[in-house]
Amino acid sequence: LSKKIQERNWELALVQFAAETVPAKTVFHQVRRVNKDVPIILIIDIHDPSLIVEGLKMGAADVIPMDEDQHLIQVVERTLHDLEQRRRQHYWKRRFAESESRFETLVMSSRDGIAIIQEGTYVLVNDAFAEFFGHPDHESMTLQPVIDSVAKGDQFEFRKYLKPLSEDNALEAENIQFVGILASGDTL
């Protein structure tokens, strides 16, 4: 069974709940052991709520009584659709993580000062930006409030740039001048 599970990406397993040669619990154990996403639909001999609950506790996608063909067809369609959605989501999460990693590498290797700000806080700062504000490295500025880098007299005007942007409240590109506060406390 373990070898068969590992041979390829199975999309579905129909398992007889009361099977004796390969018990249902063994199937669940083997699928978990090889860390595969294989939905399992258990087939029970008669409609028995306690078996249904037990099968769902084991991790079955559903538990269907024997000879309920239309029910089985609907469950198979739903289970395959859910599997496709999970696989798609996993794929895009992986692609997103790869993109984030490439983005961070590009930002960190840039000679230009770059800071990514979220909700008024520096979430990513490269060394060039940190150096510009007199910090020893980017880590010393990460998670620091942006407003701490702005002189008191300019903070009120600067706050409008720290609000989350959306299509409704997008800001036009513009140059602004403000007095910045260096790590030493001097101004720039």
Protein backbone atom coordinates (compact mmCIF):
# COMPACT_ATOMS: atom_id res chain seq x y z
CA LEU A 1 0.00 0.00 0.00
CA SER A 2 2.78 2.41 0.92
CA LYS A 3 4.50 1.76 -2.41
CA LYS A 4 1.27 2.30 -4.35
CA ILE A 5 0.58 5.58 -2.54
CA GLN A 6 4.05 6.87 -3.36
CA GLU A 7 3.96 5.82 -7.03
CA ARG A 8 2.07 8.91 -8.13
CA ASN A 9 -0.24 11.69 -6.98
CA TRP A 10 -3.51 9.91 -6.38
CA GLU A 11 -6.57 12.06 -6.55
CA LEU A 12 -8.94 9.95 -4.50
CA ALA A 13 -9.19 6.72 -2.54
CA LEU A 14 -12.42 4.78 -2.09
CA VAL A 15 -11.97 2.53 0.92
CA GLN A 16 -14.28 -0.12 2.30
CA PHE A 17 -14.67 0.70 5.99
CA ALA A 18 -14.91 -2.94 7.04
CA ALA A 19 -12.14 -4.26 4.77
CA GLU A 20 -10.10 -6.98 6.42
CA THR A 21 -7.03 -7.29 4.18
CA VAL A 22 -6.20 -3.57 4.47
CA PRO A 23 -8.18 -1.95 7.32
CA ALA A 24 -9.37 1.63 6.80
CA LYS A 25 -7.20 2.89 9.69
CA THR A 26 -4.13 1.48 7.93
CA VAL A 27 -4.95 3.40 4.76
CA PHE A 28 -5.24 6.65 6.71
CA HIS A 29 -2.00 5.92 8.56
CA GLN A 30 -0.08 5.17 5.34
CA VAL A 31 -1.38 8.28 3.56
CA ARG A 32 -0.37 10.48 6.51
CA ARG A 33 3.00 8.74 6.85
CA VAL A 34 4.00 9.58 3.27
CA ASN A 35 2.53 13.09 3.66
CA LYS A 36 0.29 12.92 0.60
CA ASP A 37 -2.92 14.85 0.03
CA VAL A 38 -5.15 11.95 -0.96
CA PRO A 39 -8.79 12.42 0.01
CA ILE A 40 -10.37 9.21 1.28
CA ILE A 41 -14.05 8.36 0.95
CA LEU A 42 -15.13 5.52 3.19
CA ILE A 43 -17.84 3.11 2.07
CA ILE A 44 -19.91 1.53 4.86
CA ASP A 45 -22.24 -1.47 4.51
CA ILE A 46 -25.36 0.15 6.01
CA HIS A 47 -26.31 3.64 7.13
CA ASP A 48 -24.95 3.80 10.67
CA PRO A 49 -24.41 7.25 12.23
CA SER A 50 -21.74 5.94 14.62
CA LEU A 51 -19.67 4.58 11.68
CA ILE A 52 -20.07 7.87 9.84
CA VAL A 53 -18.82 9.81 12.87
CA GLU A 54 -15.94 7.37 13.38
CA GLY A 55 -14.93 7.64 9.69
CA LEU A 56 -15.01 11.43 9.79
CA LYS A 57 -12.89 11.41 12.96
CA MET A 58 -10.31 9.28 11.13
CA GLY A 59 -10.11 12.01 8.50
CA ALA A 60 -12.38 10.78 5.72
CA ALA A 61 -13.59 13.33 3.20
CA ASP A 62 -16.98 11.65 3.63
CA VAL A 63 -18.57 8.36 4.62
CA ILE A 64 -21.13 6.93 2.21
CA PRO A 65 -23.42 3.92 2.71
CA MET A 66 -23.13 1.18 0.09
CA ASP A 67 -25.51 1.43 -2.90
CA GLU A 68 -26.08 5.19 -2.59
CA ASP A 69 -24.70 5.86 -6.05
CA GLN A 70 -26.02 9.39 -6.54
CA HIS A 71 -24.72 10.44 -3.14
CA LEU A 72 -21.33 8.91 -3.97
CA ILE A 73 -21.18 10.71 -7.32
CA GLN A 74 -21.88 14.07 -5.66
CA VAL A 75 -19.31 13.45 -2.94
CA VAL A 76 -16.66 12.40 -5.48
CA GLU A 77 -17.28 15.54 -7.55
CA ARG A 78 -17.09 17.78 -4.48
CA THR A 79 -13.99 16.03 -3.14
CA LEU A 80 -12.14 16.26 -6.45
CA HIS A 81 -13.08 19.94 -6.76
CA ASP A 82 -11.82 20.61 -3.23
CA LEU A 83 -8.58 18.75 -3.98
CA GLU A 84 -8.04 20.79 -7.14
CA GLN A 85 -8.59 24.00 -5.16
CA ARG A 86 -6.13 22.93 -2.44
CA ARG A 87 -3.49 22.03 -5.01
CA ARG A 88 -4.03 25.31 -6.82
CA GLN A 89 -3.78 27.24 -3.58
CA HIS A 90 -0.61 25.37 -2.61
CA TYR A 91 0.91 26.12 -6.02
CA TRP A 92 0.15 29.85 -5.80
CA LYS A 93 1.32 30.09 -2.20
CA ARG A 94 4.64 28.55 -3.25
CA ARG A 95 4.91 30.93 -6.22
CA PHE A 96 4.08 33.88 -3.98
CA ALA A 97 6.75 32.87 -1.45
CA GLU A 98 9.31 32.55 -4.26
CA SER A 99 8.35 35.99 -5.57
CA GLU A 100 8.65 37.50 -2.11
CA SER A 101 12.07 35.97 -1.71
CA ARG A 102 13.26 37.34 -5.08
CA PHE A 103 11.78 40.74 -4.25
CA GLU A 104 13.55 40.85 -0.89
CA THR A 105 16.84 39.84 -2.51
CA LEU A 106 16.50 42.65 -5.06
CA VAL A 107 15.65 45.24 -2.41
CA MET A 108 18.47 44.19 -0.12
CA SER A 109 21.07 44.20 -2.91
CA SER A 110 20.08 47.63 -4.24
CA ARG A 111 22.55 50.50 -3.84
CA ASP A 112 19.62 52.90 -3.62
CA GLY A 113 17.96 53.35 -0.26
CA ILE A 114 14.69 51.43 -0.18
CA ALA A 115 12.20 51.02 2.66
CA ILE A 116 8.94 49.12 2.58
CA ILE A 117 6.40 50.57 4.98
CA GLN A 118 3.26 48.91 6.23
CA GLU A 119 0.84 50.54 8.65
CA GLY A 120 3.36 53.22 9.55
CA THR A 121 6.19 50.78 10.32
CA TYR A 122 9.32 49.86 8.41
CA VAL A 123 8.84 46.19 7.50
CA LEU A 124 11.81 45.94 5.14
CA VAL A 125 14.76 48.31 4.95
CA ASN A 126 17.94 47.81 2.97
CA ASP A 127 21.38 48.74 4.27
CA ALA A 128 21.63 51.81 2.01
CA PHE A 129 18.46 53.28 3.52
CA ALA A 130 19.54 52.45 7.08
CA GLU A 131 22.96 53.97 6.44
CA PHE A 132 21.31 57.16 5.12
CA PHE A 133 19.56 57.55 8.50
CA GLY A 134 22.75 56.72 10.40
CA HIS A 135 21.83 53.21 11.50
CA PRO A 136 24.50 50.49 11.54
CA ASP A 137 22.41 48.03 9.47
CA HIS A 138 18.92 47.36 8.14
CA GLU A 139 17.91 45.26 11.16
CA SER A 140 18.14 48.24 13.48
CA MET A 141 15.39 50.02 11.54
CA THR A 142 13.12 47.07 10.81
CA LEU A 143 9.83 47.30 12.74
CA GLN A 144 10.62 50.85 13.85
CA PRO A 145 7.75 53.37 13.46
CA VAL A 146 8.37 55.61 10.45
CA ILE A 147 7.19 58.66 12.35
CA ASP A 148 10.25 58.27 14.62
CA SER A 149 12.38 59.19 11.58
CA VAL A 150 10.50 62.47 11.04
CA ALA A 151 11.01 65.70 13.01
CA LYS A 152 8.11 66.75 15.27
CA GLY A 153 7.33 69.83 13.14
CA ASP A 154 6.79 67.73 10.00
CA GLN A 155 4.97 64.75 11.53
CA PHE A 156 1.43 66.08 11.10
CA GLU A 157 1.86 66.71 7.36
CA PHE A 158 3.79 63.45 6.91
CA ARG A 159 1.07 61.26 8.50
CA LYS A 160 -1.15 61.33 5.40
CA TYR A 161 1.53 59.33 3.58
CA LEU A 162 1.48 56.58 6.22
CA LYS A 163 -2.17 55.61 5.74
CA PRO A 164 -2.94 52.38 3.84
CA LEU A 165 -3.52 52.97 0.15
CA SER A 166 -6.32 51.58 -1.95
CA GLU A 167 -7.87 52.38 -5.30
CA ASP A 168 -10.25 54.80 -3.55
CA ASN A 169 -7.59 56.84 -1.73
CA ALA A 170 -4.54 56.51 -3.97
CA LEU A 171 -2.00 59.32 -3.74
CA GLU A 172 -0.44 60.93 -6.76
CA ALA A 173 3.33 60.65 -7.00
CA GLU A 174 4.95 63.73 -5.55
CA ASN A 175 8.15 64.92 -3.94
CA ILE A 176 7.93 65.99 -0.33
CA GLN A 177 10.46 67.65 1.89
CA PHE A 178 10.69 66.99 5.59
CA VAL A 179 13.25 67.07 8.34
CA GLY A 180 14.47 63.57 9.13
CA ILE A 181 15.91 62.40 12.42
CA LEU A 182 19.11 60.38 12.27
CA ALA A 183 19.98 57.57 14.68
CA SER A 184 22.31 59.95 16.51
CA GLY A 185 19.44 62.40 17.10
CA ASP A 186 20.77 64.94 14.60
CA THR A 187 18.48 66.19 11.84
CA LEU A 188 18.75 65.91 8.10
